N, C-alpha and C. Protein backbone atom coordinates (compact mmCIF):
# COMPACT_ATOMS: atom_id res chain seq x y z
N MET A 1 -11.76 -9.63 -3.27
CA MET A 1 -11.74 -8.55 -2.29
C MET A 1 -10.48 -7.70 -2.48
N THR A 2 -10.64 -6.43 -2.30
CA THR A 2 -9.53 -5.48 -2.38
C THR A 2 -8.97 -5.29 -0.98
N ARG A 3 -7.66 -5.37 -0.86
CA ARG A 3 -7.01 -5.20 0.44
C ARG A 3 -6.36 -3.82 0.54
N VAL A 4 -6.35 -3.30 1.74
CA VAL A 4 -5.69 -2.04 2.06
C VAL A 4 -4.68 -2.35 3.16
N CYS A 5 -3.49 -1.77 3.05
CA CYS A 5 -2.48 -1.90 4.09
C CYS A 5 -1.89 -0.52 4.34
N ILE A 6 -2.08 -0.03 5.55
CA ILE A 6 -1.55 1.28 5.96
C ILE A 6 -0.29 1.01 6.78
N VAL A 7 0.79 1.67 6.42
CA VAL A 7 2.08 1.48 7.08
C VAL A 7 2.36 2.69 7.98
N GLY A 8 2.52 2.43 9.26
CA GLY A 8 2.74 3.50 10.23
C GLY A 8 4.15 4.06 10.21
N THR A 9 4.26 5.29 10.67
CA THR A 9 5.59 5.90 10.83
C THR A 9 6.30 5.21 11.99
N GLU A 10 7.62 5.34 12.00
CA GLU A 10 8.41 4.65 13.03
C GLU A 10 8.11 5.11 14.44
N ASP A 11 7.75 6.36 14.62
CA ASP A 11 7.63 6.92 15.95
C ASP A 11 6.23 6.78 16.57
N VAL A 12 5.31 6.07 15.91
CA VAL A 12 3.97 5.89 16.47
C VAL A 12 3.55 4.43 16.38
N HIS A 13 2.59 4.06 17.20
CA HIS A 13 1.96 2.75 17.10
C HIS A 13 0.67 2.97 16.31
N LEU A 14 0.68 2.60 15.04
CA LEU A 14 -0.39 2.95 14.11
C LEU A 14 -1.77 2.51 14.58
N GLN A 15 -1.92 1.25 14.94
CA GLN A 15 -3.26 0.77 15.32
C GLN A 15 -3.78 1.53 16.54
N TYR A 16 -2.92 1.76 17.52
CA TYR A 16 -3.36 2.52 18.69
C TYR A 16 -3.83 3.91 18.27
N GLU A 17 -3.02 4.60 17.47
CA GLU A 17 -3.36 5.97 17.08
C GLU A 17 -4.68 6.02 16.31
N LEU A 18 -4.87 5.11 15.37
CA LEU A 18 -6.11 5.14 14.59
C LEU A 18 -7.33 4.75 15.42
N LEU A 19 -7.18 3.72 16.22
CA LEU A 19 -8.34 3.22 16.97
C LEU A 19 -8.65 4.05 18.21
N SER A 20 -7.74 4.93 18.61
CA SER A 20 -8.02 5.78 19.76
C SER A 20 -8.72 7.08 19.34
N ARG A 21 -8.86 7.29 18.06
CA ARG A 21 -9.55 8.48 17.54
C ARG A 21 -10.95 8.10 17.09
N GLU A 22 -11.94 8.79 17.60
CA GLU A 22 -13.34 8.41 17.37
C GLU A 22 -13.71 8.32 15.89
N THR A 23 -13.33 9.29 15.10
CA THR A 23 -13.71 9.30 13.68
C THR A 23 -13.03 8.16 12.92
N ALA A 24 -11.75 7.96 13.17
CA ALA A 24 -11.03 6.87 12.51
C ALA A 24 -11.57 5.52 12.97
N ARG A 25 -11.83 5.39 14.27
CA ARG A 25 -12.38 4.14 14.80
C ARG A 25 -13.72 3.84 14.16
N ALA A 26 -14.56 4.84 13.99
CA ALA A 26 -15.86 4.65 13.36
C ALA A 26 -15.71 4.21 11.90
N ALA A 27 -14.76 4.83 11.18
CA ALA A 27 -14.53 4.46 9.77
C ALA A 27 -14.02 3.04 9.64
N LEU A 28 -13.29 2.56 10.63
CA LEU A 28 -12.70 1.22 10.58
C LEU A 28 -13.55 0.15 11.25
N SER A 29 -14.61 0.55 11.92
CA SER A 29 -15.37 -0.38 12.77
C SER A 29 -16.02 -1.54 12.03
N THR A 30 -16.31 -1.40 10.77
CA THR A 30 -16.99 -2.48 10.04
C THR A 30 -16.02 -3.47 9.40
N TYR A 31 -14.73 -3.24 9.57
CA TYR A 31 -13.72 -4.09 8.94
C TYR A 31 -13.03 -4.99 9.95
N GLU A 32 -12.61 -6.16 9.47
CA GLU A 32 -11.77 -7.04 10.27
C GLU A 32 -10.33 -6.60 10.04
N LEU A 33 -9.66 -6.18 11.10
CA LEU A 33 -8.33 -5.61 10.99
C LEU A 33 -7.25 -6.65 11.25
N SER A 34 -6.13 -6.52 10.55
CA SER A 34 -4.99 -7.40 10.78
C SER A 34 -3.71 -6.57 10.70
N GLU A 35 -2.59 -7.20 11.00
CA GLU A 35 -1.29 -6.54 10.98
C GLU A 35 -0.30 -7.44 10.24
N PRO A 36 -0.30 -7.40 8.89
CA PRO A 36 0.56 -8.31 8.13
C PRO A 36 2.05 -8.03 8.28
N PHE A 37 2.40 -6.80 8.57
CA PHE A 37 3.78 -6.40 8.82
C PHE A 37 3.79 -5.58 10.10
N SER A 38 4.94 -5.43 10.71
CA SER A 38 5.04 -4.65 11.94
C SER A 38 4.53 -3.23 11.70
N ASN A 39 3.75 -2.75 12.65
CA ASN A 39 3.21 -1.38 12.64
C ASN A 39 2.42 -1.06 11.38
N THR A 40 1.57 -2.01 10.99
CA THR A 40 0.66 -1.78 9.86
C THR A 40 -0.76 -2.10 10.31
N LEU A 41 -1.69 -1.69 9.50
CA LEU A 41 -3.09 -2.03 9.71
C LEU A 41 -3.64 -2.40 8.33
N ALA A 42 -4.18 -3.60 8.24
CA ALA A 42 -4.70 -4.07 6.95
C ALA A 42 -6.15 -4.50 7.11
N LEU A 43 -6.88 -4.41 6.00
CA LEU A 43 -8.28 -4.80 5.98
C LEU A 43 -8.70 -5.09 4.56
N GLU A 44 -9.86 -5.71 4.40
CA GLU A 44 -10.41 -5.99 3.07
C GLU A 44 -11.66 -5.16 2.85
N THR A 45 -11.77 -4.63 1.62
CA THR A 45 -12.95 -3.88 1.22
C THR A 45 -13.59 -4.60 0.04
N VAL A 46 -14.75 -4.13 -0.38
CA VAL A 46 -15.47 -4.79 -1.47
C VAL A 46 -14.96 -4.41 -2.85
N SER A 47 -14.24 -3.29 -2.97
CA SER A 47 -13.82 -2.85 -4.29
C SER A 47 -12.66 -1.86 -4.19
N LEU A 48 -12.07 -1.60 -5.33
CA LEU A 48 -11.02 -0.58 -5.40
C LEU A 48 -11.57 0.78 -5.01
N GLY A 49 -12.76 1.10 -5.47
CA GLY A 49 -13.38 2.38 -5.11
C GLY A 49 -13.59 2.52 -3.62
N ALA A 50 -14.04 1.44 -2.97
CA ALA A 50 -14.24 1.47 -1.53
C ALA A 50 -12.91 1.65 -0.79
N ALA A 51 -11.86 1.02 -1.29
CA ALA A 51 -10.54 1.14 -0.67
C ALA A 51 -10.04 2.58 -0.76
N VAL A 52 -10.13 3.17 -1.94
CA VAL A 52 -9.68 4.55 -2.13
C VAL A 52 -10.52 5.50 -1.28
N SER A 53 -11.83 5.28 -1.24
CA SER A 53 -12.71 6.13 -0.43
C SER A 53 -12.38 6.05 1.05
N LEU A 54 -12.10 4.84 1.54
CA LEU A 54 -11.73 4.69 2.94
C LEU A 54 -10.44 5.45 3.24
N LEU A 55 -9.45 5.31 2.37
CA LEU A 55 -8.20 6.03 2.58
C LEU A 55 -8.43 7.54 2.55
N ASN A 56 -9.31 7.99 1.68
CA ASN A 56 -9.65 9.43 1.66
C ASN A 56 -10.30 9.85 2.96
N ASP A 57 -11.20 9.01 3.49
CA ASP A 57 -11.85 9.32 4.77
C ASP A 57 -10.85 9.41 5.92
N LEU A 58 -9.79 8.63 5.83
CA LEU A 58 -8.77 8.59 6.89
C LEU A 58 -7.62 9.56 6.65
N GLN A 59 -7.70 10.39 5.64
CA GLN A 59 -6.59 11.25 5.22
C GLN A 59 -5.97 12.04 6.37
N TRP A 60 -6.78 12.67 7.19
CA TRP A 60 -6.26 13.49 8.30
C TRP A 60 -5.33 12.66 9.18
N TYR A 61 -5.71 11.41 9.45
CA TYR A 61 -4.93 10.53 10.32
C TYR A 61 -3.71 9.97 9.59
N LEU A 62 -3.88 9.67 8.31
CA LEU A 62 -2.77 9.10 7.54
C LEU A 62 -1.60 10.09 7.44
N VAL A 63 -1.91 11.35 7.27
CA VAL A 63 -0.86 12.37 7.19
C VAL A 63 -0.05 12.40 8.48
N ARG A 64 -0.68 12.19 9.59
CA ARG A 64 -0.03 12.30 10.89
C ARG A 64 0.64 11.01 11.35
N PHE A 65 0.07 9.86 11.01
CA PHE A 65 0.52 8.61 11.63
C PHE A 65 1.05 7.55 10.68
N SER A 66 1.00 7.79 9.37
CA SER A 66 1.46 6.75 8.44
C SER A 66 2.51 7.27 7.47
N ASP A 67 3.30 6.33 6.99
CA ASP A 67 4.28 6.65 5.95
C ASP A 67 3.64 6.55 4.57
N PHE A 68 2.83 5.52 4.37
CA PHE A 68 2.17 5.32 3.09
C PHE A 68 1.09 4.25 3.24
N ALA A 69 0.28 4.13 2.20
CA ALA A 69 -0.77 3.11 2.17
C ALA A 69 -0.68 2.36 0.85
N LEU A 70 -1.00 1.08 0.91
CA LEU A 70 -0.98 0.21 -0.27
C LEU A 70 -2.36 -0.36 -0.49
N VAL A 71 -2.64 -0.69 -1.75
CA VAL A 71 -3.92 -1.30 -2.11
C VAL A 71 -3.62 -2.52 -2.98
N SER A 72 -4.24 -3.63 -2.66
CA SER A 72 -4.10 -4.85 -3.46
C SER A 72 -5.43 -5.11 -4.15
N GLU A 73 -5.42 -5.02 -5.47
CA GLU A 73 -6.63 -5.23 -6.28
C GLU A 73 -6.41 -6.41 -7.20
N PRO A 74 -7.05 -7.56 -6.92
CA PRO A 74 -6.84 -8.77 -7.71
C PRO A 74 -7.11 -8.62 -9.21
N SER A 75 -8.01 -7.71 -9.59
CA SER A 75 -8.28 -7.55 -11.01
C SER A 75 -7.11 -6.87 -11.75
N VAL A 76 -6.21 -6.24 -10.99
CA VAL A 76 -5.03 -5.62 -11.58
C VAL A 76 -3.84 -6.58 -11.48
N SER A 77 -3.61 -7.14 -10.30
CA SER A 77 -2.52 -8.09 -10.09
C SER A 77 -2.83 -8.95 -8.88
N GLU A 78 -2.58 -10.24 -9.00
CA GLU A 78 -2.81 -11.16 -7.88
C GLU A 78 -1.74 -11.06 -6.80
N ASP A 79 -0.52 -10.65 -7.18
CA ASP A 79 0.57 -10.70 -6.21
C ASP A 79 1.36 -9.39 -6.06
N GLU A 80 0.91 -8.33 -6.69
CA GLU A 80 1.57 -7.04 -6.54
C GLU A 80 0.58 -6.01 -5.99
N TRP A 81 1.07 -5.16 -5.11
CA TRP A 81 0.27 -4.10 -4.53
C TRP A 81 0.30 -2.88 -5.45
N LEU A 82 -0.60 -1.95 -5.20
CA LEU A 82 -0.63 -0.66 -5.87
C LEU A 82 -0.35 0.42 -4.84
N SER A 83 0.36 1.45 -5.24
CA SER A 83 0.48 2.61 -4.36
C SER A 83 -0.90 3.25 -4.25
N ARG A 84 -1.11 4.02 -3.22
CA ARG A 84 -2.40 4.70 -3.07
C ARG A 84 -2.67 5.61 -4.26
N THR A 85 -1.66 6.32 -4.73
CA THR A 85 -1.81 7.22 -5.87
C THR A 85 -2.23 6.46 -7.12
N LEU A 86 -1.58 5.35 -7.39
CA LEU A 86 -1.91 4.56 -8.57
C LEU A 86 -3.31 3.95 -8.45
N ALA A 87 -3.67 3.50 -7.26
CA ALA A 87 -5.02 2.96 -7.05
C ALA A 87 -6.08 4.04 -7.33
N ARG A 88 -5.83 5.24 -6.86
CA ARG A 88 -6.76 6.35 -7.12
C ARG A 88 -6.84 6.65 -8.61
N ASP A 89 -5.69 6.66 -9.29
CA ASP A 89 -5.68 6.94 -10.73
C ASP A 89 -6.46 5.88 -11.51
N ILE A 90 -6.36 4.64 -11.11
CA ILE A 90 -7.12 3.57 -11.77
C ILE A 90 -8.60 3.76 -11.50
N ARG A 91 -8.94 4.01 -10.24
CA ARG A 91 -10.36 4.21 -9.90
C ARG A 91 -10.96 5.37 -10.66
N ASP A 92 -10.21 6.45 -10.81
CA ASP A 92 -10.71 7.64 -11.48
C ASP A 92 -10.68 7.52 -13.00
N GLY A 93 -10.14 6.43 -13.52
CA GLY A 93 -10.09 6.23 -14.97
C GLY A 93 -8.97 6.98 -15.65
N ASN A 94 -8.02 7.51 -14.88
CA ASN A 94 -6.88 8.22 -15.46
C ASN A 94 -5.82 7.27 -16.01
N VAL A 95 -5.82 6.03 -15.52
CA VAL A 95 -4.87 5.01 -15.94
C VAL A 95 -5.64 3.70 -16.09
N GLU A 96 -5.39 2.99 -17.15
CA GLU A 96 -5.99 1.67 -17.34
C GLU A 96 -5.15 0.64 -16.58
N PRO A 97 -5.79 -0.34 -15.93
CA PRO A 97 -5.03 -1.33 -15.16
C PRO A 97 -3.91 -2.01 -15.95
N GLU A 98 -4.16 -2.30 -17.22
CA GLU A 98 -3.14 -2.97 -18.02
C GLU A 98 -1.95 -2.07 -18.36
N GLU A 99 -2.09 -0.77 -18.11
CA GLU A 99 -0.99 0.17 -18.33
C GLU A 99 -0.08 0.29 -17.11
N THR A 100 -0.40 -0.40 -16.04
CA THR A 100 0.41 -0.33 -14.82
C THR A 100 1.43 -1.47 -14.83
N GLY A 101 2.37 -1.39 -13.95
CA GLY A 101 3.32 -2.49 -13.78
C GLY A 101 4.71 -2.22 -14.31
N GLU A 102 4.90 -1.12 -15.02
CA GLU A 102 6.25 -0.82 -15.50
C GLU A 102 7.11 -0.26 -14.37
N TYR A 103 6.53 0.63 -13.57
CA TYR A 103 7.26 1.29 -12.49
C TYR A 103 6.94 0.61 -11.17
N LEU A 104 8.00 0.22 -10.47
CA LEU A 104 7.83 -0.57 -9.25
C LEU A 104 8.65 -0.02 -8.09
N ALA A 105 8.15 -0.24 -6.90
CA ALA A 105 8.91 -0.06 -5.67
C ALA A 105 8.92 -1.43 -5.00
N ILE A 106 10.10 -1.96 -4.78
CA ILE A 106 10.21 -3.26 -4.12
C ILE A 106 10.71 -3.01 -2.71
N TYR A 107 9.91 -3.44 -1.74
CA TYR A 107 10.28 -3.31 -0.33
C TYR A 107 10.83 -4.64 0.17
N GLY A 108 11.91 -4.58 0.91
CA GLY A 108 12.38 -5.75 1.61
C GLY A 108 11.56 -5.91 2.88
N VAL A 109 11.48 -7.14 3.38
CA VAL A 109 10.83 -7.40 4.66
C VAL A 109 11.90 -7.97 5.58
N GLU A 110 12.15 -7.25 6.67
CA GLU A 110 13.18 -7.64 7.63
C GLU A 110 12.58 -7.58 9.02
N ASP A 111 12.64 -8.68 9.73
CA ASP A 111 12.06 -8.77 11.07
C ASP A 111 10.60 -8.31 11.08
N GLY A 112 9.87 -8.66 10.03
CA GLY A 112 8.45 -8.34 9.95
C GLY A 112 8.14 -6.92 9.50
N ARG A 113 9.15 -6.11 9.25
CA ARG A 113 8.96 -4.70 8.87
C ARG A 113 9.27 -4.50 7.39
N LEU A 114 8.50 -3.62 6.77
CA LEU A 114 8.83 -3.20 5.41
C LEU A 114 10.00 -2.23 5.49
N ILE A 115 11.05 -2.49 4.72
CA ILE A 115 12.24 -1.64 4.77
C ILE A 115 12.55 -1.05 3.40
N GLU A 116 13.44 -0.12 3.38
CA GLU A 116 13.82 0.71 2.24
C GLU A 116 13.44 0.16 0.87
N PRO A 117 12.66 0.96 0.15
CA PRO A 117 12.23 0.52 -1.18
C PRO A 117 13.34 0.70 -2.22
N MET A 118 13.32 -0.18 -3.17
CA MET A 118 14.20 -0.09 -4.33
C MET A 118 13.29 0.19 -5.52
N PHE A 119 13.48 1.34 -6.18
CA PHE A 119 12.65 1.72 -7.31
C PHE A 119 13.28 1.17 -8.59
N VAL A 120 12.48 0.40 -9.34
CA VAL A 120 12.98 -0.28 -10.53
C VAL A 120 11.91 -0.29 -11.61
N THR A 121 12.35 -0.64 -12.81
CA THR A 121 11.41 -0.94 -13.89
C THR A 121 11.61 -2.41 -14.24
N ARG A 122 10.60 -3.00 -14.81
CA ARG A 122 10.70 -4.40 -15.22
C ARG A 122 11.78 -4.54 -16.30
N ILE A 123 12.46 -5.66 -16.27
CA ILE A 123 13.46 -5.99 -17.29
C ILE A 123 12.95 -7.21 -18.04
N ASP A 124 12.65 -7.00 -19.32
CA ASP A 124 12.07 -8.07 -20.15
C ASP A 124 10.84 -8.68 -19.48
N GLY A 125 10.03 -7.82 -18.88
CA GLY A 125 8.80 -8.26 -18.25
C GLY A 125 8.96 -8.88 -16.87
N GLU A 126 10.18 -8.95 -16.37
CA GLU A 126 10.46 -9.58 -15.08
C GLU A 126 10.80 -8.53 -14.02
N VAL A 127 10.47 -8.85 -12.78
CA VAL A 127 10.80 -7.98 -11.65
C VAL A 127 12.24 -8.25 -11.23
N PRO A 128 13.09 -7.21 -11.21
CA PRO A 128 14.48 -7.41 -10.77
C PRO A 128 14.55 -7.86 -9.31
N GLU A 129 15.65 -8.48 -8.96
CA GLU A 129 15.89 -8.92 -7.58
C GLU A 129 16.14 -7.71 -6.68
N TYR A 130 15.63 -7.79 -5.47
CA TYR A 130 15.91 -6.76 -4.45
C TYR A 130 17.36 -6.97 -4.00
N ASP A 131 18.18 -5.94 -4.13
CA ASP A 131 19.59 -6.11 -3.81
C ASP A 131 20.14 -5.07 -2.83
N LEU A 132 19.27 -4.40 -2.12
CA LEU A 132 19.74 -3.41 -1.15
C LEU A 132 20.23 -4.06 0.14
N ARG A 133 19.65 -5.19 0.48
CA ARG A 133 20.02 -5.98 1.66
C ARG A 133 19.65 -7.43 1.41
N ASP A 134 20.14 -8.29 2.25
CA ASP A 134 19.75 -9.69 2.19
C ASP A 134 18.47 -9.85 2.99
N VAL A 135 17.36 -10.13 2.32
CA VAL A 135 16.06 -10.30 2.98
C VAL A 135 15.44 -11.61 2.54
N ASP A 136 14.55 -12.12 3.38
CA ASP A 136 13.87 -13.38 3.06
C ASP A 136 12.67 -13.18 2.17
N GLU A 137 12.11 -11.98 2.21
CA GLU A 137 10.85 -11.72 1.52
C GLU A 137 10.87 -10.31 0.95
N THR A 138 10.11 -10.11 -0.12
CA THR A 138 9.94 -8.77 -0.68
C THR A 138 8.46 -8.53 -0.96
N VAL A 139 8.11 -7.26 -1.06
CA VAL A 139 6.76 -6.84 -1.41
C VAL A 139 6.90 -5.92 -2.63
N VAL A 140 6.23 -6.28 -3.71
CA VAL A 140 6.31 -5.51 -4.95
C VAL A 140 5.10 -4.60 -5.03
N VAL A 141 5.37 -3.31 -5.26
CA VAL A 141 4.32 -2.30 -5.32
C VAL A 141 4.42 -1.59 -6.67
N ARG A 142 3.32 -1.57 -7.40
CA ARG A 142 3.24 -0.80 -8.63
C ARG A 142 3.02 0.65 -8.25
N VAL A 143 3.83 1.53 -8.83
CA VAL A 143 3.71 2.96 -8.54
C VAL A 143 3.45 3.73 -9.83
N SER A 144 2.98 4.95 -9.67
CA SER A 144 2.74 5.80 -10.83
C SER A 144 4.06 6.34 -11.36
N LYS A 145 4.05 6.83 -12.58
CA LYS A 145 5.24 7.42 -13.18
C LYS A 145 5.72 8.60 -12.35
N ALA A 146 4.80 9.42 -11.86
CA ALA A 146 5.15 10.58 -11.03
C ALA A 146 5.83 10.15 -9.73
N GLU A 147 5.34 9.09 -9.10
CA GLU A 147 5.96 8.60 -7.87
C GLU A 147 7.35 8.02 -8.13
N PHE A 148 7.51 7.48 -9.32
CA PHE A 148 8.79 6.88 -9.71
C PHE A 148 9.84 7.95 -9.95
N GLY A 149 9.38 9.13 -10.29
CA GLY A 149 10.32 10.23 -10.52
C GLY A 149 10.23 10.79 -11.92
N GLY A 150 9.14 10.42 -12.63
CA GLY A 150 9.03 10.90 -14.00
C GLY A 150 7.89 11.74 -14.14
């Protein structure tokens, strides 16, 4: 199953905002929703294509109420997320899954919240340590070259 995680902006309660809007509520109604991190909304879809399509359907709301969205596709990586842009590029055939993973954003998790990303590249195939703060957990996100700054 492909997972989607939408991260809300600091000034809104994401689940309330999405579920209080009829169109967004209808788009989300067939999914079991969870909140893996503070102010997020996560769900499972049947495929990468379905995940990208759902995010496209929610675009109007995402622009207003979210900071970013992540997609977890097991056929690409079991333990790393994809940025929404990279997930779309893979779905559209612009990038092969095995060509991803060089450019990363590592988020710290502090008090259940995703915090400031550290943009890195792999060193000898390994993910560098998150060193912006002392955190108990990190979330590794594969990003596109353009998102990385190239």
